[in-house]
Amino acid sequence: MPSLGFDMTEGTLVAWHKRPGDPVEKGQVIAEIEMAKGIVEIEAPAAGLLSSIFVQPSQTVPVGTVLAVIAAPGETISATPKQQQAAPALPQPPPTPGTTPGPEPGSPPTTRVKASPLARKLAAEAGVPLAQVSGSGPGGRILERDIRHRLSAVTPRPGPTAPTVPAGPIAGAAPLSPMRQTIARRMTESKTTVPHFYVTIEVNMTEALRLRAQLNAVAPEGEGISINDLVLATTARSLARFPALNASYREGTIVRHGHINLGIAVALEDGLVTPVLRDADQKPLKVIAQETKRLAERARGNKPRADDLTASTFTVSNLGMFGVDDFLAIINPPEAAILAVGAVIPRPVAVGDAVRVAPLLKVALSVDHRVANGAEAARFLQAWKQLLENPMNLLLL
């Protein structure tokens, strides 16, 4: 069971894509696990044969538990890993030579119903079989609202005789999903233990929008540059100049990271995930756009890879697509800063003695005061603004 974040202690095996005896290639998806941040695909770390499986679907095990063994052709694995002998997994019969293992005759199909973690939890608590629910999400995925709709359809409304609890303003209560529990814990920890301060700035996006239009006019279909791509490229290059913000506070010391890995906040039905754009300062704008799109698609499809969600050093949270003017973001521990990005909105600006309308962008930088001070944050935003207002420099590496 891999560790997919500093706060992950356990994970649940969701499904195997291979059976014992099947050949696997390095990098091939062989399993799915569920963690607080969602369902993640696990790739084979080496090529060979999937010799033995020790953890079955629906089992929850600690980080570090051996899930399976990939053996070289002809190699035999006969023992269960020591750390799992105290609580052995379900027995796994060895494959018969020349045959492909399969389910017992008459057993139900093992196809996994697509559903969000919150929908699964709610269905389990209410005793609703997922197979009997129609999903309204992408590809028929069952969402929380689908479970609640079914419950409201089959549960009789209470009669006028009487609620057993006092009436109040609370319309209903729902348990927190694992993802929401993680967000609640980490954000509470951040706001109560990290001394935040905030610096804001306004950027004239006239030249950035002009450059974007020029690039998109010649870009292949589906490979256009977004405003967020420009923001990410600007952030990565600015962090290279101001490494004090690409850092973490750790046990009385400041750790400056050797890579600039940008966490990109992506909203999901059950919460928020931050897939990671690695070595962002070393990538051309076009590559940043391509990789960011793939990361977001995997996150929204609930199919992030194991390394999509780890090792971020700085986070960018953009709510501009929702029409949000500006906001302040909470730092994502153990990072030292997060950049909150609003919408590009036409506003009046003074140009000499005249007043004109220009597209302006407001951003706010939240900083851990143990790691950096106000002057450092201000210089970072000044450089950030200058680069985005002269965006041709983003095409240079």
Protein backbone atom coordinates (compact mmCIF):
# COMPACT_ATOMS: atom_id res chain seq x y z
CA MET A 1 0.00 0.00 0.00
CA PRO A 2 1.76 3.16 -1.17
CA SER A 3 1.89 6.38 0.80
CA LEU A 4 0.15 9.05 -1.28
CA GLY A 5 0.65 11.95 1.09
CA PHE A 6 2.23 12.73 4.42
CA ASP A 7 -1.12 12.30 6.21
CA MET A 8 -2.10 8.97 4.64
CA THR A 9 -2.01 6.02 7.08
CA GLU A 10 -4.14 3.41 5.31
CA GLY A 11 -5.92 2.67 2.05
CA THR A 12 -8.62 0.38 0.72
CA LEU A 13 -8.04 -2.03 -2.16
CA VAL A 14 -10.86 -1.34 -4.62
CA ALA A 15 -10.19 -3.69 -7.54
CA TRP A 16 -7.53 -5.74 -9.28
CA HIS A 17 -7.12 -5.33 -13.03
CA LYS A 18 -5.03 -8.49 -13.24
CA ARG A 19 -5.33 -12.02 -11.86
CA PRO A 20 -2.61 -14.25 -10.40
CA GLY A 21 -0.55 -15.67 -13.24
CA ASP A 22 -1.21 -12.77 -15.61
CA PRO A 23 1.79 -11.08 -17.21
CA VAL A 24 2.25 -7.38 -16.40
CA GLU A 25 4.39 -4.65 -17.90
CA LYS A 26 6.16 -1.94 -15.94
CA GLY A 27 3.88 1.09 -15.68
CA GLN A 28 0.74 -0.90 -16.49
CA VAL A 29 -2.28 -0.20 -14.26
CA ILE A 30 -2.86 -3.34 -12.17
CA ALA A 31 -5.08 -2.17 -9.31
CA GLU A 32 -7.13 0.66 -7.82
CA ILE A 33 -7.00 1.85 -4.22
CA GLU A 34 -9.23 4.27 -2.37
CA MET A 35 -7.80 6.90 -0.08
CA ALA A 36 -9.21 10.04 1.48
CA LYS A 37 -8.47 12.00 -1.70
CA GLY A 38 -10.30 9.56 -3.99
CA ILE A 39 -9.62 6.43 -6.03
CA VAL A 40 -6.10 6.12 -7.42
CA GLU A 41 -4.73 3.76 -10.06
CA ILE A 42 -1.67 1.74 -9.07
CA GLU A 43 0.91 0.92 -11.72
CA ALA A 44 3.18 -2.10 -11.79
CA PRO A 45 6.66 -1.13 -10.54
CA ALA A 46 8.29 -3.88 -12.62
CA ALA A 47 7.55 -6.32 -15.44
CA GLY A 48 6.88 -10.01 -14.76
CA LEU A 49 4.03 -12.24 -13.65
CA LEU A 50 1.50 -11.28 -10.97
CA SER A 51 2.42 -14.22 -8.78
CA SER A 52 0.39 -13.73 -5.60
CA ILE A 53 -2.30 -11.39 -4.30
CA PHE A 54 -2.43 -10.86 -0.52
CA VAL A 55 -5.08 -8.13 -0.19
CA GLN A 56 -8.56 -8.56 -1.60
CA PRO A 57 -11.06 -5.92 -2.81
CA SER A 58 -12.74 -3.98 0.03
CA GLN A 59 -9.90 -4.72 2.48
CA THR A 60 -8.40 -1.69 4.24
CA VAL A 61 -4.75 -2.06 5.20
CA PRO A 62 -1.99 0.22 6.59
CA VAL A 63 0.49 2.01 4.36
CA GLY A 64 3.43 -0.30 3.65
CA THR A 65 1.37 -3.50 3.53
CA VAL A 66 2.36 -5.79 0.65
CA LEU A 67 -0.59 -5.99 -1.72
CA ALA A 68 0.83 -8.50 -4.19
CA VAL A 69 4.07 -9.89 -5.61
CA ILE A 70 5.32 -9.60 -9.17
CA ALA A 71 7.70 -12.47 -9.90
CA ALA A 72 10.07 -13.28 -12.70
CA PRO A 73 8.90 -16.02 -15.08
CA GLY A 74 9.45 -19.39 -13.39
CA GLU A 75 9.88 -17.86 -9.93
CA THR A 76 7.59 -19.25 -7.21
CA ILE A 77 6.33 -17.22 -4.25
CA SER A 78 5.14 -19.55 -1.52
CA ALA A 79 4.96 -17.47 1.66
CA THR A 80 2.73 -14.67 2.83
CA PRO A 81 4.67 -11.53 3.82
CA LYS A 82 5.50 -11.57 7.54
CA GLN A 83 3.73 -8.34 8.35
CA GLN A 84 0.45 -9.82 7.13
CA GLN A 85 0.59 -13.26 8.75
CA ALA A 86 -1.21 -12.01 11.86
CA ALA A 87 -4.19 -11.00 9.74
CA PRO A 88 -4.02 -13.07 6.54
CA ALA A 89 -5.97 -12.09 3.48
CA LEU A 90 -8.53 -14.34 1.89
CA PRO A 91 -6.90 -17.49 0.46
CA GLN A 92 -5.79 -17.15 -3.16
CA PRO A 93 -5.76 -20.44 -5.10
CA PRO A 94 -2.80 -20.88 -7.41
CA PRO A 95 -3.57 -20.77 -11.13
CA THR A 96 -3.69 -24.05 -13.02
CA PRO A 97 -1.07 -24.22 -15.78
CA GLY A 98 -2.58 -23.42 -19.15
CA THR A 99 -5.72 -21.84 -17.70
CA THR A 100 -6.78 -18.37 -16.67
CA PRO A 101 -8.15 -18.08 -13.14
CA GLY A 102 -11.75 -16.90 -13.00
CA PRO A 103 -14.73 -16.71 -10.69
CA GLU A 104 -16.39 -19.81 -9.35
CA PRO A 105 -19.34 -21.10 -11.39
CA GLY A 106 -22.49 -19.30 -10.36
CA SER A 107 -20.64 -16.48 -8.59
CA PRO A 108 -21.79 -12.93 -9.32
CA PRO A 109 -19.81 -10.83 -11.78
CA THR A 110 -17.00 -8.78 -10.24
CA THR A 111 -17.67 -5.64 -12.31
CA ARG A 112 -17.33 -2.66 -9.97
CA VAL A 113 -20.19 -0.20 -9.97
CA LYS A 114 -18.86 3.29 -10.61
CA ALA A 115 -19.65 5.53 -7.65
CA SER A 116 -18.05 8.36 -5.71
CA PRO A 117 -16.61 7.52 -2.25
CA LEU A 118 -19.32 9.62 -0.55
CA ALA A 119 -22.06 7.85 -2.52
CA ARG A 120 -20.64 4.46 -1.50
CA LYS A 121 -20.53 5.45 2.15
CA LEU A 122 -24.05 6.85 2.12
CA ALA A 123 -25.41 3.80 0.29
CA ALA A 124 -23.73 1.41 2.74
CA GLU A 125 -25.15 3.25 5.75
CA ALA A 126 -28.65 3.28 4.24
CA GLY A 127 -28.48 -0.32 3.00
CA VAL A 128 -29.04 0.68 -0.63
CA PRO A 129 -27.45 -1.69 -3.22
CA LEU A 130 -25.46 0.41 -5.66
CA ALA A 131 -26.48 -1.90 -8.50
CA GLN A 132 -30.06 -0.67 -8.07
CA VAL A 133 -29.19 3.04 -8.39
CA SER A 134 -28.98 4.96 -11.67
CA GLY A 135 -25.97 7.26 -11.79
CA SER A 136 -26.17 10.81 -13.11
CA GLY A 137 -22.41 11.43 -13.19
CA PRO A 138 -19.96 11.06 -16.09
CA GLY A 139 -20.17 7.59 -17.62
CA GLY A 140 -23.10 6.69 -15.35
CA ARG A 141 -21.09 7.23 -12.15
CA ILE A 142 -23.28 7.26 -9.05
CA LEU A 143 -23.05 10.49 -7.08
CA GLU A 144 -24.23 11.47 -3.60
CA ARG A 145 -27.31 13.15 -5.05
CA ASP A 146 -28.35 9.90 -6.74
CA ILE A 147 -28.36 8.05 -3.41
CA ARG A 148 -30.28 10.85 -1.70
CA HIS A 149 -32.80 10.92 -4.56
CA ARG A 150 -33.42 7.19 -4.17
CA LEU A 151 -33.74 7.51 -0.39
CA SER A 152 -36.26 10.32 -0.75
CA ALA A 153 -38.24 8.21 -3.23
CA VAL A 154 -38.47 5.09 -1.06
CA THR A 155 -38.55 6.57 2.45
CA PRO A 156 -42.01 7.65 3.62
CA ARG A 157 -42.20 11.16 4.91
CA PRO A 158 -42.92 11.42 8.64
CA GLY A 159 -46.54 12.08 9.49
CA PRO A 160 -47.76 15.16 11.29
CA THR A 161 -47.77 13.35 14.64
CA ALA A 162 -44.45 13.90 15.47
CA PRO A 163 -40.99 14.49 15.34
CA THR A 164 -39.03 12.93 18.16
CA VAL A 165 -36.49 15.74 18.22
CA PRO A 166 -37.12 19.46 18.64
CA ALA A 167 -37.67 21.37 15.43
CA GLY A 168 -34.75 23.58 14.46
CA PRO A 169 -32.98 25.25 11.58
CA ILE A 170 -31.03 22.11 10.58
CA ALA A 171 -32.62 20.58 7.48
CA GLY A 172 -30.50 17.43 7.57
CA ALA A 173 -27.12 16.00 8.43
CA ALA A 174 -24.80 13.80 6.42
CA PRO A 175 -21.60 12.07 7.47
CA LEU A 176 -18.34 13.48 6.19
CA SER A 177 -16.73 11.60 3.32
CA PRO A 178 -13.14 10.42 3.88
CA MET A 179 -11.97 13.22 1.58
CA ARG A 180 -13.95 15.84 3.48
CA GLN A 181 -12.64 14.47 6.79
CA THR A 182 -9.08 14.92 5.52
CA ILE A 183 -9.82 18.46 4.32
CA ALA A 184 -11.42 19.34 7.67
CA ARG A 185 -8.48 17.99 9.64
CA ARG A 186 -5.75 19.53 7.52
CA MET A 187 -7.36 22.95 7.11
CA THR A 188 -8.06 23.16 10.84
CA GLU A 189 -4.45 22.22 11.51
CA SER A 190 -3.25 24.83 9.02
CA LYS A 191 -5.35 27.71 10.38
CA THR A 192 -4.61 26.89 14.03
CA THR A 193 -0.88 26.15 13.79
CA VAL A 194 0.39 28.14 10.78
CA PRO A 195 0.66 31.94 11.21
CA HIS A 196 -0.88 33.15 7.95
CA PHE A 197 -0.46 36.59 6.45
CA TYR A 198 -1.81 37.81 3.12
CA VAL A 199 -0.53 40.02 0.32
CA THR A 200 -2.67 41.02 -2.69
CA ILE A 201 -1.95 42.61 -6.03
CA GLU A 202 -3.82 43.56 -9.22
CA VAL A 203 -2.50 42.69 -12.68
CA ASN A 204 -3.36 44.24 -16.06
CA MET A 205 -4.05 41.25 -18.30
CA THR A 206 -4.19 43.11 -21.62
CA GLU A 207 -0.94 41.69 -23.02
CA ALA A 208 -1.48 38.24 -21.50
CA LEU A 209 -4.88 37.93 -23.20
CA ARG A 210 -3.42 39.18 -26.46
CA LEU A 211 -0.64 36.56 -26.33
CA ARG A 212 -3.14 33.83 -25.44
CA ALA A 213 -5.32 34.74 -28.43
CA GLN A 214 -2.32 34.65 -30.77
CA LEU A 215 -1.16 31.25 -29.49
CA ASN A 216 -4.63 29.72 -29.60
CA ALA A 217 -5.19 30.94 -33.15
CA VAL A 218 -2.49 28.55 -34.37
CA ALA A 219 -2.80 25.79 -31.76
CA PRO A 220 -4.26 22.40 -32.76
CA GLU A 221 -7.80 21.75 -31.57
CA GLY A 222 -7.91 20.82 -27.89
CA GLU A 223 -4.41 22.17 -27.21
CA GLY A 224 -5.19 25.79 -26.46
CA ILE A 225 -3.63 27.83 -23.68
CA SER A 226 -5.85 28.85 -20.76
CA ILE A 227 -5.48 31.80 -18.41
CA ASN A 228 -4.65 29.28 -15.68
CA ASP A 229 -1.79 27.91 -17.80
CA LEU A 230 -0.34 31.43 -18.00
CA VAL A 231 -0.76 31.79 -14.24
CA LEU A 232 1.01 28.48 -13.57
CA ALA A 233 3.92 29.31 -15.88
CA THR A 234 4.27 32.75 -14.27
CA THR A 235 4.19 31.23 -10.78
CA ALA A 236 6.80 28.57 -11.55
CA ARG A 237 9.25 31.03 -13.07
CA SER A 238 8.73 33.51 -10.22
CA LEU A 239 9.37 30.82 -7.60
CA ALA A 240 12.68 30.06 -9.29
CA ARG A 241 13.68 33.65 -8.47
CA PHE A 242 12.23 33.56 -4.94
CA PRO A 243 13.03 30.14 -3.46
CA ALA A 244 12.09 31.30 0.05
CA LEU A 245 8.45 30.74 -0.91
CA ASN A 246 9.12 27.29 -2.35
CA ALA A 247 9.85 25.94 1.11
CA SER A 248 8.43 24.33 4.25
CA TYR A 249 8.73 24.85 8.00
CA ARG A 250 9.88 21.66 9.69
CA GLU A 251 10.69 21.26 13.39
CA GLY A 252 12.31 24.65 13.85
CA THR A 253 14.06 24.65 10.46
CA ILE A 254 13.22 25.96 6.99
CA VAL A 255 13.53 23.40 4.19
CA ARG A 256 13.95 24.84 0.70
CA HIS A 257 12.84 22.38 -1.95
CA GLY A 258 15.08 21.46 -4.87
CA HIS A 259 12.13 21.14 -7.29
CA ILE A 260 9.25 23.44 -8.10
CA ASN A 261 6.18 21.18 -8.03
CA LEU A 262 2.93 23.11 -8.34
CA GLY A 263 -0.22 21.74 -6.70
CA ILE A 264 -3.23 22.64 -8.86
CA ALA A 265 -6.46 22.82 -6.86
CA VAL A 266 -9.23 20.89 -8.67
CA ALA A 267 -12.80 20.91 -7.33
CA LEU A 268 -14.62 17.56 -7.11
CA GLU A 269 -18.09 16.61 -5.96
CA ASP A 270 -16.77 15.36 -2.62
CA GLY A 271 -14.16 18.03 -2.00
CA LEU A 272 -10.87 19.15 -3.46
CA VAL A 273 -7.70 17.50 -4.74
CA THR A 274 -4.40 19.03 -5.80
CA PRO A 275 -2.72 17.08 -8.61
CA VAL A 276 0.92 18.05 -8.97
CA LEU A 277 2.67 19.59 -11.98
CA ARG A 278 6.26 18.52 -11.38
CA ASP A 279 9.32 20.63 -12.23
CA ALA A 280 6.99 23.29 -13.60
CA ASP A 281 9.77 25.88 -14.00
CA GLN A 282 11.58 23.56 -16.43
CA LYS A 283 8.62 23.12 -18.79
CA PRO A 284 7.56 25.25 -21.77
CA LEU A 285 4.14 26.87 -21.66
CA LYS A 286 2.75 24.38 -24.18
CA VAL A 287 3.84 21.42 -22.05
CA ILE A 288 2.40 23.04 -18.92
CA ALA A 289 -0.95 23.34 -20.71
CA GLN A 290 -0.89 19.72 -21.91
CA GLU A 291 0.12 18.21 -18.58
CA THR A 292 -2.27 20.37 -16.56
CA LYS A 293 -5.18 19.27 -18.73
CA ARG A 294 -4.28 15.58 -18.30
CA LEU A 295 -3.87 15.95 -14.54
CA ALA A 296 -7.24 17.69 -14.18
CA GLU A 297 -9.02 15.12 -16.36
CA ARG A 298 -7.65 12.22 -14.31
CA ALA A 299 -8.59 13.97 -11.07
CA ARG A 300 -12.14 14.77 -12.18
CA GLY A 301 -12.53 11.25 -13.54
CA ASN A 302 -11.50 9.91 -10.13
CA LYS A 303 -8.55 8.13 -11.78
CA PRO A 304 -5.43 9.98 -10.64
CA ARG A 305 -2.16 8.09 -10.71
CA ALA A 306 -0.25 7.38 -7.54
CA ASP A 307 2.29 10.15 -8.13
CA ASP A 308 -0.31 12.72 -9.27
CA LEU A 309 -1.13 13.73 -5.70
CA THR A 310 2.23 13.84 -3.94
CA ALA A 311 5.24 16.10 -3.43
CA SER A 312 3.75 19.52 -4.22
CA THR A 313 5.83 22.44 -2.95
CA PHE A 314 3.46 25.37 -3.69
CA THR A 315 -0.27 25.45 -4.55
CA VAL A 316 -2.29 27.57 -6.97
CA SER A 317 -6.05 27.81 -6.36
CA ASN A 318 -7.98 29.44 -9.21
CA LEU A 319 -11.69 30.26 -8.73
CA GLY A 320 -11.81 32.69 -11.64
CA MET A 321 -13.81 30.27 -13.79
CA PHE A 322 -16.62 30.57 -11.22
CA GLY A 323 -16.70 34.35 -11.54
CA VAL A 324 -15.06 34.90 -8.14
CA ASP A 325 -13.55 38.37 -7.89
CA ASP A 326 -10.92 37.57 -5.28
CA PHE A 327 -10.49 35.44 -2.15
CA LEU A 328 -7.98 34.31 0.47
CA ALA A 329 -6.83 30.68 0.49
CA ILE A 330 -5.68 28.50 3.38
CA ILE A 331 -2.12 27.17 3.10
CA ASN A 332 -1.84 23.49 2.21
CA PRO A 333 0.59 21.99 4.78
CA PRO A 334 3.51 21.45 4.73
CA GLU A 335 3.86 24.11 2.02
CA ALA A 336 4.72 27.68 2.97
CA ALA A 337 2.40 29.52 0.57
CA ILE A 338 -0.62 29.34 -1.71
CA LEU A 339 -1.73 31.70 -4.48
CA ALA A 340 -5.47 32.50 -4.78
CA VAL A 341 -6.49 33.61 -8.28
CA GLY A 342 -9.73 35.38 -9.14
CA ALA A 343 -11.48 36.18 -12.41
CA VAL A 344 -10.27 38.55 -15.12
CA ILE A 345 -12.78 41.42 -14.96
CA PRO A 346 -12.91 44.65 -17.00
CA ARG A 347 -12.41 47.61 -14.67
CA PRO A 348 -11.65 51.32 -15.06
CA VAL A 349 -7.97 52.21 -14.71
CA ALA A 350 -6.15 55.53 -14.79
CA VAL A 351 -3.81 55.98 -17.74
CA GLY A 352 -2.16 59.38 -17.32
CA ASP A 353 -4.99 61.88 -17.06
CA ALA A 354 -7.49 59.56 -18.76
CA VAL A 355 -9.61 56.69 -17.48
CA ARG A 356 -9.83 53.53 -19.56
CA VAL A 357 -11.25 50.06 -19.11
CA ALA A 358 -8.77 47.21 -18.88
CA PRO A 359 -9.02 43.49 -18.00
CA LEU A 360 -7.69 43.20 -14.44
CA LEU A 361 -6.84 40.12 -12.37
CA LYS A 362 -6.68 40.09 -8.58
CA VAL A 363 -4.48 37.55 -6.81
CA ALA A 364 -3.77 37.00 -3.12
CA LEU A 365 -0.72 35.24 -1.69
CA SER A 366 -1.12 33.46 1.67
CA VAL A 367 2.24 32.93 3.39
CA ASP A 368 3.50 31.07 6.46
CA HIS A 369 5.14 33.85 8.49
CA ARG A 370 7.59 31.36 10.01
CA VAL A 371 9.11 30.83 6.57
CA ALA A 372 8.94 34.23 4.86
CA ASN A 373 8.17 37.84 5.71
CA GLY A 374 6.00 40.49 4.09
CA ALA A 375 8.77 42.10 2.07
CA GLU A 376 9.71 38.76 0.46
CA ALA A 377 6.08 38.09 -0.41
CA ALA A 378 5.69 41.58 -1.85
CA ARG A 379 8.79 41.24 -4.03
CA PHE A 380 7.54 37.88 -5.28
CA LEU A 381 4.20 39.39 -6.31
CA GLN A 382 5.90 42.38 -7.93
CA ALA A 383 7.99 40.02 -10.08
CA TRP A 384 4.90 37.87 -10.74
CA LYS A 385 2.93 40.90 -11.93
CA GLN A 386 5.77 42.19 -14.11
CA LEU A 387 6.18 38.82 -15.82
CA LEU A 388 2.47 38.33 -16.53
CA GLU A 389 2.13 41.90 -17.83
CA ASN A 390 5.06 41.19 -20.21
CA PRO A 391 4.12 37.60 -21.10
CA MET A 392 6.40 37.10 -24.11
CA ASN A 393 9.03 36.17 -21.53
CA LEU A 394 6.93 33.11 -20.65
CA LEU A 395 7.84 31.65 -24.04
CA LEU A 396 11.53 31.65 -23.09
CA LEU A 397 13.22 29.01 -20.96
